[in-house]
C-alpha atoms as a PDB file:
ATOM      1  CA  MET A   1      34.474  46.159  74.788  1.00  0.00           C
ATOM      2  CA  ARG A   2      32.249  48.561  76.746  1.00  0.00           C
ATOM      3  CA  ASP A   3      33.566  51.241  79.086  1.00  0.00           C
ATOM      4  CA  GLU A   4      32.158  50.535  82.581  1.00  0.00           C
ATOM      5  CA  ARG A   5      33.683  53.511  84.383  1.00  0.00           C
ATOM      6  CA  GLY A   6      30.436  55.485  84.198  1.00  0.00           C
ATOM      7  CA  LEU A   7      28.535  52.626  85.834  1.00  0.00           C
ATOM      8  CA  SER A   8      30.951  52.401  88.776  1.00  0.00           C
ATOM      9  CA  ALA A   9      30.681  56.146  89.400  1.00  0.00           C
ATOM     10  CA  SER A  10      26.898  55.848  89.562  1.00  0.00           C
ATOM     11  CA  VAL A  11      27.109  52.969  92.039  1.00  0.00           C
ATOM     12  CA  GLU A  12      29.563  54.895  94.230  1.00  0.00           C
ATOM     13  CA  THR A  13      27.303  57.940  94.208  1.00  0.00           C
ATOM     14  CA  ALA A  14      24.260  55.837  95.075  1.00  0.00           C
ATOM     15  CA  LEU A  15      26.090  54.362  98.056  1.00  0.00           C
ATOM     16  CA  ILE A  16      27.834  57.485  99.376  1.00  0.00           C
ATOM     17  CA  LEU A  17      25.135  60.140  98.865  1.00  0.00           C
ATOM     18  CA  PRO A  18      22.665  58.797 101.489  1.00  0.00           C
ATOM     19  CA  ALA A  19      25.453  58.568 104.075  1.00  0.00           C
ATOM     20  CA  VAL A  20      26.502  62.175 103.385  1.00  0.00           C
ATOM     21  CA  VAL A  21      22.882  63.395 103.625  1.00  0.00           C
ATOM     22  CA  LEU A  22      22.408  61.589 106.952  1.00  0.00           C
ATOM     23  CA  PHE A  23      25.675  62.997 108.284  1.00  0.00           C
ATOM     24  CA  VAL A  24      24.720  66.571 107.338  1.00  0.00           C
ATOM     25  CA  GLY A  25      21.277  66.060 108.901  1.00  0.00           C
ATOM     26  CA  LEU A  26      22.879  64.793 112.090  1.00  0.00           C
ATOM     27  CA  LEU A  27      25.182  67.831 112.209  1.00  0.00           C
ATOM     28  CA  LEU A  28      22.220  70.192 111.751  1.00  0.00           C
ATOM     29  CA  THR A  29      20.303  68.454 114.535  1.00  0.00           C
ATOM     30  CA  LEU A  30      23.237  68.590 116.939  1.00  0.00           C
ATOM     31  CA  ALA A  31      23.817  72.249 116.079  1.00  0.00           C
ATOM     32  CA  ARG A  32      20.158  73.069 116.759  1.00  0.00           C
ATOM     33  CA  ILE A  33      20.338  71.348 120.154  1.00  0.00           C
ATOM     34  CA  ALA A  34      23.608  73.087 121.078  1.00  0.00           C
ATOM     35  CA  ILE A  35      22.287  76.513 120.101  1.00  0.00           C
ATOM     36  CA  ALA A  36      19.044  75.957 122.011  1.00  0.00           C
ATOM     37  CA  ASP A  37      21.052  74.885 125.064  1.00  0.00           C
ATOM     38  CA  GLN A  38      23.181  78.031 124.900  1.00  0.00           C
ATOM     39  CA  HIS A  39      20.138  80.279 124.510  1.00  0.00           C
ATOM     40  CA  VAL A  40      18.324  78.628 127.414  1.00  0.00           C
ATOM     41  CA  GLU A  41      21.411  79.071 129.612  1.00  0.00           C
ATOM     42  CA  ALA A  42      21.564  82.769 128.698  1.00  0.00           C
ATOM     43  CA  ALA A  43      17.832  83.192 129.339  1.00  0.00           C
ATOM     44  CA  VAL A  44      18.142  81.512 132.743  1.00  0.00           C
ATOM     45  CA  ALA A  45      21.021  83.845 133.644  1.00  0.00           C
ATOM     46  CA  ALA A  46      18.859  86.843 132.695  1.00  0.00           C
ATOM     47  CA  ALA A  47      15.980  85.457 134.764  1.00  0.00           C
ATOM     48  CA  ALA A  48      18.208  84.962 137.808  1.00  0.00           C
ATOM     49  CA  ARG A  49      19.585  88.471 137.489  1.00  0.00           C
ATOM     50  CA  ALA A  50      16.097  89.971 137.193  1.00  0.00           C
ATOM     51  CA  ALA A  51      14.923  88.032 140.252  1.00  0.00           C
ATOM     52  CA  SER A  52      17.917  89.117 142.322  1.00  0.00           C
ATOM     53  CA  LEU A  53      17.056  92.792 141.754  1.00  0.00           C
ATOM     54  CA  GLU A  54      13.604  92.504 143.321  1.00  0.00           C
ATOM     55  CA  ARG A  55      12.737  93.200 146.966  1.00  0.00           C
ATOM     56  CA  SER A  56      10.191  90.442 147.700  1.00  0.00           C
ATOM     57  CA  VAL A  57      10.000  86.732 146.965  1.00  0.00           C
ATOM     58  CA  ALA A  58       6.759  87.024 144.974  1.00  0.00           C
ATOM     59  CA  ALA A  59       8.106  89.901 142.870  1.00  0.00           C
ATOM     60  CA  ALA A  60      11.333  87.957 142.265  1.00  0.00           C
ATOM     61  CA  GLN A  61       9.448  84.893 141.013  1.00  0.00           C
ATOM     62  CA  THR A  62       7.314  87.032 138.702  1.00  0.00           C
ATOM     63  CA  ALA A  63      10.343  88.929 137.390  1.00  0.00           C
ATOM     64  CA  ALA A  64      12.206  85.673 136.712  1.00  0.00           C
ATOM     65  CA  GLY A  65       9.308  84.267 134.689  1.00  0.00           C
ATOM     66  CA  GLU A  66       8.901  87.439 132.661  1.00  0.00           C
ATOM     67  CA  ALA A  67      12.637  87.748 132.010  1.00  0.00           C
ATOM     68  CA  LEU A  68      12.864  84.108 130.927  1.00  0.00           C
ATOM     69  CA  GLU A  69      10.006  84.422 128.434  1.00  0.00           C
ATOM     70  CA  ARG A  70      11.308  87.736 127.090  1.00  0.00           C
ATOM     71  CA  SER A  71      14.857  86.433 126.708  1.00  0.00           C
ATOM     72  CA  LEU A  72      13.773  83.239 124.956  1.00  0.00           C
ATOM     73  CA  GLY A  73      11.588  85.290 122.615  1.00  0.00           C
ATOM     74  CA  GLU A  74      14.428  87.683 121.785  1.00  0.00           C
ATOM     75  CA  ARG A  75      16.648  84.727 120.931  1.00  0.00           C
ATOM     76  CA  GLY A  76      14.034  83.085 118.722  1.00  0.00           C
ATOM     77  CA  ILE A  77      13.637  79.973 120.850  1.00  0.00           C
ATOM     78  CA  ASP A  78      10.098  78.625 120.592  1.00  0.00           C
ATOM     79  CA  CYS A  79       9.646  76.172 123.449  1.00  0.00           C
ATOM     80  CA  LEU A  80       6.892  73.591 123.155  1.00  0.00           C
ATOM     81  CA  SER A  81       6.776  73.628 126.949  1.00  0.00           C
ATOM     82  CA  THR A  82       8.766  75.378 129.649  1.00  0.00           C
ATOM     83  CA  GLY A  83       9.394  74.705 133.290  1.00  0.00           C
ATOM     84  CA  LEU A  84      10.696  77.229 135.795  1.00  0.00           C
ATOM     85  CA  THR A  85      11.870  76.817 139.373  1.00  0.00           C
ATOM     86  CA  VAL A  86      12.877  79.921 141.316  1.00  0.00           C
ATOM     87  CA  ASP A  87      14.433  79.878 144.785  1.00  0.00           C
ATOM     88  CA  ALA A  88      14.126  83.544 145.688  1.00  0.00           C
ATOM     89  CA  SER A  89      14.314  83.204 149.453  1.00  0.00           C
ATOM     90  CA  GLY A  90      17.569  85.183 149.367  1.00  0.00           C
ATOM     91  CA  VAL A  91      15.784  88.439 148.585  1.00  0.00           C
ATOM     92  CA  ALA A  92      13.971  88.237 151.926  1.00  0.00           C
ATOM     93  CA  ARG A  93      17.227  88.288 153.917  1.00  0.00           C
ATOM     94  CA  GLU A  94      18.112  91.244 156.096  1.00  0.00           C
ATOM     95  CA  LEU A  95      20.419  94.001 154.901  1.00  0.00           C
ATOM     96  CA  GLY A  96      24.076  93.077 155.140  1.00  0.00           C
ATOM     97  CA  GLU A  97      23.494  89.319 154.701  1.00  0.00           C
ATOM     98  CA  PHE A  98      24.873  87.628 151.619  1.00  0.00           C
ATOM     99  CA  ALA A  99      22.389  85.546 149.627  1.00  0.00           C
ATOM    100  CA  THR A 100      21.703  84.257 146.146  1.00  0.00           C
ATOM    101  CA  VAL A 101      18.717  83.633 143.928  1.00  0.00           C
ATOM    102  CA  SER A 102      18.678  80.307 142.071  1.00  0.00           C
ATOM    103  CA  VAL A 103      16.760  79.768 138.850  1.00  0.00           C
ATOM    104  CA  THR A 104      16.383  76.498 136.960  1.00  0.00           C
ATOM    105  CA  ALA A 105      14.453  76.256 133.700  1.00  0.00           C
ATOM    106  CA  THR A 106      13.674  73.598 131.127  1.00  0.00           C
ATOM    107  CA  CYS A 107      12.599  74.081 127.536  1.00  0.00           C
ATOM    108  CA  THR A 108      11.299  71.421 125.175  1.00  0.00           C
ATOM    109  CA  VAL A 109      12.544  72.323 121.697  1.00  0.00           C
ATOM    110  CA  GLY A 110      10.797  70.864 118.657  1.00  0.00           C
ATOM    111  CA  LEU A 111      12.884  69.098 116.047  1.00  0.00           C
ATOM    112  CA  GLY A 112      10.021  68.272 113.690  1.00  0.00           C
ATOM    113  CA  ASP A 113      11.535  70.176 110.775  1.00  0.00           C
ATOM    114  CA  VAL A 114      14.685  68.043 110.910  1.00  0.00           C
ATOM    115  CA  SER A 115      13.475  65.061 108.945  1.00  0.00           C
ATOM    116  CA  LEU A 116      15.784  62.256 109.923  1.00  0.00           C
ATOM    117  CA  PRO A 117      14.382  58.844 110.788  1.00  0.00           C
ATOM    118  CA  PHE A 118      16.244  58.442 114.098  1.00  0.00           C
ATOM    119  CA  VAL A 119      15.719  61.985 115.428  1.00  0.00           C
ATOM    120  CA  PRO A 120      13.033  62.375 118.099  1.00  0.00           C
ATOM    121  CA  GLY A 121      10.292  64.973 117.630  1.00  0.00           C
ATOM    122  CA  SER A 122      11.599  67.126 120.468  1.00  0.00           C
ATOM    123  CA  VAL A 123      14.438  67.408 122.938  1.00  0.00           C
ATOM    124  CA  ARG A 124      14.475  68.895 126.418  1.00  0.00           C
ATOM    125  CA  VAL A 125      17.240  71.324 127.332  1.00  0.00           C
ATOM    126  CA  ALA A 126      17.762  72.749 130.793  1.00  0.00           C
ATOM    127  CA  GLY A 127      19.735  75.505 132.433  1.00  0.00           C
ATOM    128  CA  SER A 128      20.491  76.637 135.950  1.00  0.00           C
ATOM    129  CA  HIS A 129      22.008  79.846 137.276  1.00  0.00           C
ATOM    130  CA  ASP A 130      22.609  81.566 140.611  1.00  0.00           C
ATOM    131  CA  SER A 131      22.735  85.330 140.980  1.00  0.00           C
ATOM    132  CA  PRO A 132      23.918  87.173 144.083  1.00  0.00           C
ATOM    133  CA  VAL A 133      21.595  89.518 145.925  1.00  0.00           C
ATOM    134  CA  ASP A 134      23.153  92.863 146.778  1.00  0.00           C
ATOM    135  CA  PRO A 135      23.658  92.762 150.583  1.00  0.00           C
ATOM    136  CA  LEU A 136      23.483  96.581 150.795  1.00  0.00           C
ATOM    137  CA  ARG A 137      20.318  97.030 148.722  1.00  0.00           C
ATOM    138  CA  GLY A 138      17.572  99.300 149.976  1.00  0.00           C
ATOM    139  CA  LYS A 139      14.354  97.666 151.084  1.00  0.00           C
END
């Protein structure tokens, strides 16, 4: 009589191993998306803060774009494409008036190095943040 325990262990491994590999790949993909989302949110907050410190609408929009790119670069996020919307009309308000600057950004993050069959090539993450303008700032 032959011992068939070794054969059953091989069959179990052949069935379970692909499921474990797919599960780990899915966890890595979800972690990459979550980290990218957190970094984009932080970059948008930095962009809104930089815009709120400026004295003109044009300077605020420029500062927001520069701060967003710098912050994403510092965090190692390489966006395939970015979108930026800045509502900096609050910096044009008169002294003593309360206002905010709103910044919304999108970043398309590549997932090409995660080689799972059901994972798309990229995912779009977005962030939005408002920053108050100092009502007593000097013009």
